[in-house]
Amino acid sequence: MAATGAARAAAPQADGEGIYRHWCAHCHSAGRGNPGTESLQVKYKGERPAVLLERTDLAPQAVAVFVRQGVLSMAPFRKTEITDAELDALSAYVARGFAAR
């Protein structure tokens, strides 16, 4: 049975969420003790959300660049850690606020 358009569209986001939980959440979630979020709180001083999933200004392409090249104290992720297909799903998940604007 072929997947519906909605099911196909939801699948990458579900994969992206799992990839985010595995690789990103421990640094970029809300709350104390998350170094990525704490660093962005200092950088943005309340002008932008520090929690990545609350951002609406991150395009999928920007997320992909940050993941592959790293930024500030965040090391880059190799293709052996996050494949290109996983990066596409992760970027779409993190940037879903950008797509909704």
N, C-alpha and C. Protein backbone atom coordinates (compact mmCIF):
# COMPACT_ATOMS: atom_id res chain seq x y z
N MET A 1 0.85 -1.17 0.00
CA MET A 1 0.00 0.00 0.00
C MET A 1 0.90 1.24 0.00
N ALA A 2 0.65 2.18 -0.87
CA ALA A 2 1.45 3.39 -0.98
C ALA A 2 1.12 4.34 0.16
N ALA A 3 2.16 5.01 0.63
CA ALA A 3 1.96 5.99 1.71
C ALA A 3 1.28 7.23 1.14
N THR A 4 0.45 7.83 1.94
CA THR A 4 -0.20 9.07 1.52
C THR A 4 0.82 10.20 1.54
N GLY A 5 0.49 11.31 0.89
CA GLY A 5 1.38 12.47 0.89
C GLY A 5 1.67 12.96 2.29
N ALA A 6 0.66 12.98 3.14
CA ALA A 6 0.85 13.44 4.52
C ALA A 6 1.76 12.50 5.28
N ALA A 7 1.60 11.21 5.07
CA ALA A 7 2.45 10.24 5.76
C ALA A 7 3.90 10.36 5.30
N ARG A 8 4.10 10.54 4.00
CA ARG A 8 5.46 10.73 3.48
C ARG A 8 6.08 12.00 4.05
N ALA A 9 5.31 13.06 4.15
CA ALA A 9 5.83 14.33 4.67
C ALA A 9 6.14 14.21 6.16
N ALA A 10 5.37 13.42 6.89
CA ALA A 10 5.58 13.28 8.33
C ALA A 10 6.78 12.39 8.64
N ALA A 11 7.09 11.44 7.77
CA ALA A 11 8.17 10.50 8.04
C ALA A 11 9.52 11.18 8.23
N PRO A 12 9.95 12.09 7.34
CA PRO A 12 11.25 12.72 7.57
C PRO A 12 11.28 13.52 8.87
N GLN A 13 10.18 14.15 9.23
CA GLN A 13 10.16 14.92 10.47
C GLN A 13 10.30 13.98 11.66
N ALA A 14 9.65 12.84 11.60
CA ALA A 14 9.79 11.87 12.68
C ALA A 14 11.24 11.40 12.77
N ASP A 15 11.87 11.13 11.64
CA ASP A 15 13.28 10.76 11.64
C ASP A 15 14.12 11.91 12.17
N GLY A 16 13.82 13.12 11.73
CA GLY A 16 14.55 14.29 12.19
C GLY A 16 14.46 14.46 13.69
N GLU A 17 13.29 14.21 14.24
CA GLU A 17 13.11 14.32 15.69
C GLU A 17 13.98 13.31 16.43
N GLY A 18 14.02 12.09 15.93
CA GLY A 18 14.86 11.07 16.56
C GLY A 18 16.34 11.41 16.48
N ILE A 19 16.76 11.92 15.34
CA ILE A 19 18.16 12.33 15.16
C ILE A 19 18.47 13.49 16.10
N TYR A 20 17.55 14.44 16.20
CA TYR A 20 17.72 15.57 17.12
C TYR A 20 17.87 15.06 18.55
N ARG A 21 16.98 14.18 18.97
CA ARG A 21 17.04 13.65 20.35
C ARG A 21 18.38 12.95 20.61
N HIS A 22 18.85 12.20 19.60
CA HIS A 22 20.09 11.44 19.77
C HIS A 22 21.33 12.32 19.80
N TRP A 23 21.43 13.25 18.85
CA TRP A 23 22.67 14.01 18.68
C TRP A 23 22.62 15.43 19.24
N CYS A 24 21.49 16.05 19.37
CA CYS A 24 21.43 17.51 19.61
C CYS A 24 20.80 17.91 20.93
N ALA A 25 19.81 17.17 21.38
CA ALA A 25 18.99 17.60 22.53
C ALA A 25 19.81 17.81 23.79
N HIS A 26 20.83 17.00 24.01
CA HIS A 26 21.60 17.12 25.25
C HIS A 26 22.38 18.44 25.34
N CYS A 27 22.54 19.15 24.23
CA CYS A 27 23.19 20.48 24.26
C CYS A 27 22.21 21.61 23.98
N HIS A 28 21.16 21.33 23.20
CA HIS A 28 20.33 22.41 22.67
C HIS A 28 18.89 22.44 23.18
N SER A 29 18.55 21.64 24.18
CA SER A 29 17.20 21.67 24.75
C SER A 29 17.07 22.81 25.75
N ALA A 30 15.84 23.03 26.19
CA ALA A 30 15.57 24.06 27.20
C ALA A 30 16.10 23.60 28.55
N GLY A 31 16.37 24.54 29.40
CA GLY A 31 16.76 24.23 30.77
C GLY A 31 18.24 24.41 31.03
N ARG A 32 18.58 24.31 32.29
CA ARG A 32 19.97 24.47 32.72
C ARG A 32 20.77 23.22 32.37
N GLY A 33 22.06 23.42 32.17
CA GLY A 33 22.94 22.29 31.92
C GLY A 33 23.02 21.89 30.46
N ASN A 34 22.47 22.68 29.58
CA ASN A 34 22.53 22.41 28.14
C ASN A 34 23.47 23.46 27.53
N PRO A 35 24.74 23.09 27.27
CA PRO A 35 25.73 24.09 26.90
C PRO A 35 25.43 24.88 25.64
N GLY A 36 24.81 24.26 24.65
CA GLY A 36 24.46 24.99 23.43
C GLY A 36 23.44 26.08 23.71
N THR A 37 22.42 25.73 24.48
CA THR A 37 21.38 26.70 24.83
C THR A 37 21.95 27.80 25.72
N GLU A 38 22.74 27.43 26.70
CA GLU A 38 23.32 28.43 27.59
C GLU A 38 24.24 29.39 26.84
N SER A 39 25.01 28.87 25.89
CA SER A 39 25.88 29.72 25.07
C SER A 39 25.07 30.71 24.24
N LEU A 40 23.97 30.22 23.65
CA LEU A 40 23.13 31.10 22.83
C LEU A 40 22.38 32.11 23.69
N GLN A 41 22.06 31.77 24.93
CA GLN A 41 21.44 32.75 25.83
C GLN A 41 22.37 33.93 26.06
N VAL A 42 23.63 33.64 26.25
CA VAL A 42 24.62 34.71 26.44
C VAL A 42 24.78 35.51 25.16
N LYS A 43 24.87 34.82 24.04
CA LYS A 43 25.08 35.49 22.75
C LYS A 43 23.90 36.39 22.39
N TYR A 44 22.68 35.89 22.51
CA TYR A 44 21.50 36.62 22.03
C TYR A 44 20.90 37.57 23.06
N LYS A 45 21.23 37.41 24.34
CA LYS A 45 20.75 38.31 25.39
C LYS A 45 19.24 38.56 25.32
N GLY A 46 18.47 37.50 25.03
CA GLY A 46 17.02 37.61 24.99
C GLY A 46 16.45 38.15 23.69
N GLU A 47 17.29 38.53 22.74
CA GLU A 47 16.80 39.07 21.47
C GLU A 47 16.27 37.98 20.54
N ARG A 48 16.73 36.76 20.73
CA ARG A 48 16.27 35.60 19.97
C ARG A 48 16.15 34.44 20.94
N PRO A 49 15.31 33.46 20.61
CA PRO A 49 15.25 32.28 21.47
C PRO A 49 16.59 31.53 21.44
N ALA A 50 17.03 31.07 22.57
CA ALA A 50 18.26 30.29 22.66
C ALA A 50 18.01 28.81 22.38
N VAL A 51 16.79 28.36 22.59
CA VAL A 51 16.43 26.96 22.34
C VAL A 51 16.19 26.80 20.84
N LEU A 52 16.95 25.91 20.21
CA LEU A 52 16.88 25.79 18.75
C LEU A 52 15.47 25.52 18.23
N LEU A 53 14.73 24.66 18.91
CA LEU A 53 13.41 24.30 18.41
C LEU A 53 12.39 25.42 18.56
N GLU A 54 12.74 26.50 19.23
CA GLU A 54 11.85 27.66 19.34
C GLU A 54 12.17 28.73 18.29
N ARG A 55 13.22 28.51 17.52
CA ARG A 55 13.65 29.51 16.54
C ARG A 55 12.79 29.44 15.29
N THR A 56 12.55 30.61 14.68
CA THR A 56 11.83 30.68 13.41
C THR A 56 12.70 31.31 12.33
N ASP A 57 13.94 31.61 12.67
CA ASP A 57 14.84 32.27 11.73
C ASP A 57 15.93 31.35 11.19
N LEU A 58 15.87 30.07 11.47
CA LEU A 58 16.87 29.13 10.98
C LEU A 58 16.35 28.39 9.76
N ALA A 59 16.95 28.64 8.62
CA ALA A 59 16.61 27.92 7.40
C ALA A 59 17.27 26.54 7.45
N PRO A 60 16.69 25.55 6.77
CA PRO A 60 17.30 24.21 6.76
C PRO A 60 18.75 24.24 6.28
N GLN A 61 19.05 25.08 5.31
CA GLN A 61 20.41 25.17 4.78
C GLN A 61 21.38 25.65 5.85
N ALA A 62 20.96 26.58 6.69
CA ALA A 62 21.81 27.07 7.77
C ALA A 62 22.07 25.97 8.79
N VAL A 63 21.03 25.23 9.13
CA VAL A 63 21.19 24.13 10.08
C VAL A 63 22.22 23.14 9.53
N ALA A 64 22.11 22.80 8.25
CA ALA A 64 23.03 21.85 7.63
C ALA A 64 24.47 22.35 7.69
N VAL A 65 24.68 23.62 7.44
CA VAL A 65 26.04 24.19 7.50
C VAL A 65 26.58 24.10 8.93
N PHE A 66 25.77 24.47 9.92
CA PHE A 66 26.23 24.41 11.31
C PHE A 66 26.59 22.98 11.70
N VAL A 67 25.78 22.02 11.27
CA VAL A 67 26.02 20.62 11.63
C VAL A 67 27.30 20.11 10.96
N ARG A 68 27.47 20.38 9.69
CA ARG A 68 28.63 19.86 8.95
C ARG A 68 29.92 20.61 9.26
N GLN A 69 29.84 21.92 9.46
CA GLN A 69 31.06 22.71 9.64
C GLN A 69 31.33 23.06 11.10
N GLY A 70 30.33 22.90 11.95
CA GLY A 70 30.47 23.31 13.33
C GLY A 70 30.36 24.82 13.44
N VAL A 71 30.19 25.31 14.65
CA VAL A 71 30.10 26.75 14.89
C VAL A 71 30.46 26.99 16.36
N LEU A 72 31.27 28.02 16.60
CA LEU A 72 31.74 28.34 17.95
C LEU A 72 32.31 27.08 18.60
N SER A 73 31.79 26.66 19.73
CA SER A 73 32.34 25.49 20.42
C SER A 73 31.73 24.17 19.95
N MET A 74 30.78 24.23 19.02
CA MET A 74 30.16 23.01 18.51
C MET A 74 31.04 22.41 17.41
N ALA A 75 31.46 21.19 17.62
CA ALA A 75 32.28 20.50 16.63
C ALA A 75 31.42 20.07 15.44
N PRO A 76 32.01 19.93 14.26
CA PRO A 76 31.25 19.45 13.11
C PRO A 76 30.93 17.96 13.26
N PHE A 77 29.85 17.54 12.61
CA PHE A 77 29.47 16.13 12.59
C PHE A 77 29.84 15.56 11.23
N ARG A 78 30.55 14.44 11.25
CA ARG A 78 30.97 13.76 10.01
C ARG A 78 29.81 12.98 9.41
N LYS A 79 29.95 12.66 8.13
CA LYS A 79 28.93 11.86 7.44
C LYS A 79 28.82 10.46 8.02
N THR A 80 29.85 10.01 8.71
CA THR A 80 29.78 8.71 9.37
C THR A 80 28.96 8.78 10.67
N GLU A 81 28.73 9.99 11.16
CA GLU A 81 27.90 10.18 12.35
C GLU A 81 26.46 10.50 11.95
N ILE A 82 26.30 11.48 11.08
CA ILE A 82 24.99 11.88 10.56
C ILE A 82 25.09 11.86 9.04
N THR A 83 24.38 10.93 8.42
CA THR A 83 24.44 10.81 6.96
C THR A 83 23.78 12.03 6.31
N ASP A 84 23.98 12.17 5.00
CA ASP A 84 23.34 13.28 4.28
C ASP A 84 21.82 13.19 4.38
N ALA A 85 21.26 11.99 4.26
CA ALA A 85 19.81 11.83 4.37
C ALA A 85 19.33 12.19 5.78
N GLU A 86 20.07 11.76 6.78
CA GLU A 86 19.71 12.11 8.16
C GLU A 86 19.84 13.61 8.39
N LEU A 87 20.86 14.23 7.78
CA LEU A 87 21.03 15.67 7.91
C LEU A 87 19.87 16.42 7.29
N ASP A 88 19.38 15.94 6.15
CA ASP A 88 18.21 16.56 5.52
C ASP A 88 17.00 16.49 6.46
N ALA A 89 16.79 15.32 7.07
CA ALA A 89 15.65 15.16 7.99
C ALA A 89 15.84 16.02 9.24
N LEU A 90 17.04 16.04 9.78
CA LEU A 90 17.34 16.85 10.96
C LEU A 90 17.14 18.33 10.67
N SER A 91 17.65 18.78 9.53
CA SER A 91 17.53 20.20 9.15
C SER A 91 16.08 20.60 8.99
N ALA A 92 15.29 19.74 8.37
CA ALA A 92 13.86 20.03 8.20
C ALA A 92 13.16 20.09 9.55
N TYR A 93 13.53 19.20 10.46
CA TYR A 93 12.91 19.18 11.79
C TYR A 93 13.26 20.44 12.58
N VAL A 94 14.54 20.78 12.64
CA VAL A 94 14.97 21.94 13.43
C VAL A 94 14.42 23.23 12.82
N ALA A 95 14.34 23.28 11.49
CA ALA A 95 13.90 24.51 10.80
C ALA A 95 12.41 24.54 10.53
N ARG A 96 11.63 23.68 11.17
CA ARG A 96 10.19 23.65 10.88
C ARG A 96 9.52 24.98 11.22
N GLY A 97 10.02 25.72 12.19
CA GLY A 97 9.49 27.04 12.51
C GLY A 97 9.74 28.03 11.39
N PHE A 98 10.87 27.89 10.70
CA PHE A 98 11.20 28.74 9.56
C PHE A 98 10.23 28.47 8.42
N ALA A 99 9.95 27.20 8.17
CA ALA A 99 9.05 26.82 7.08
C ALA A 99 7.62 27.29 7.36
N ALA A 100 7.24 27.40 8.63
CA ALA A 100 5.88 27.78 9.00
C ALA A 100 5.63 29.28 8.96
N ARG A 101 6.69 30.08 8.83
CA ARG A 101 6.48 31.53 8.87
C ARG A 101 5.90 32.08 7.60
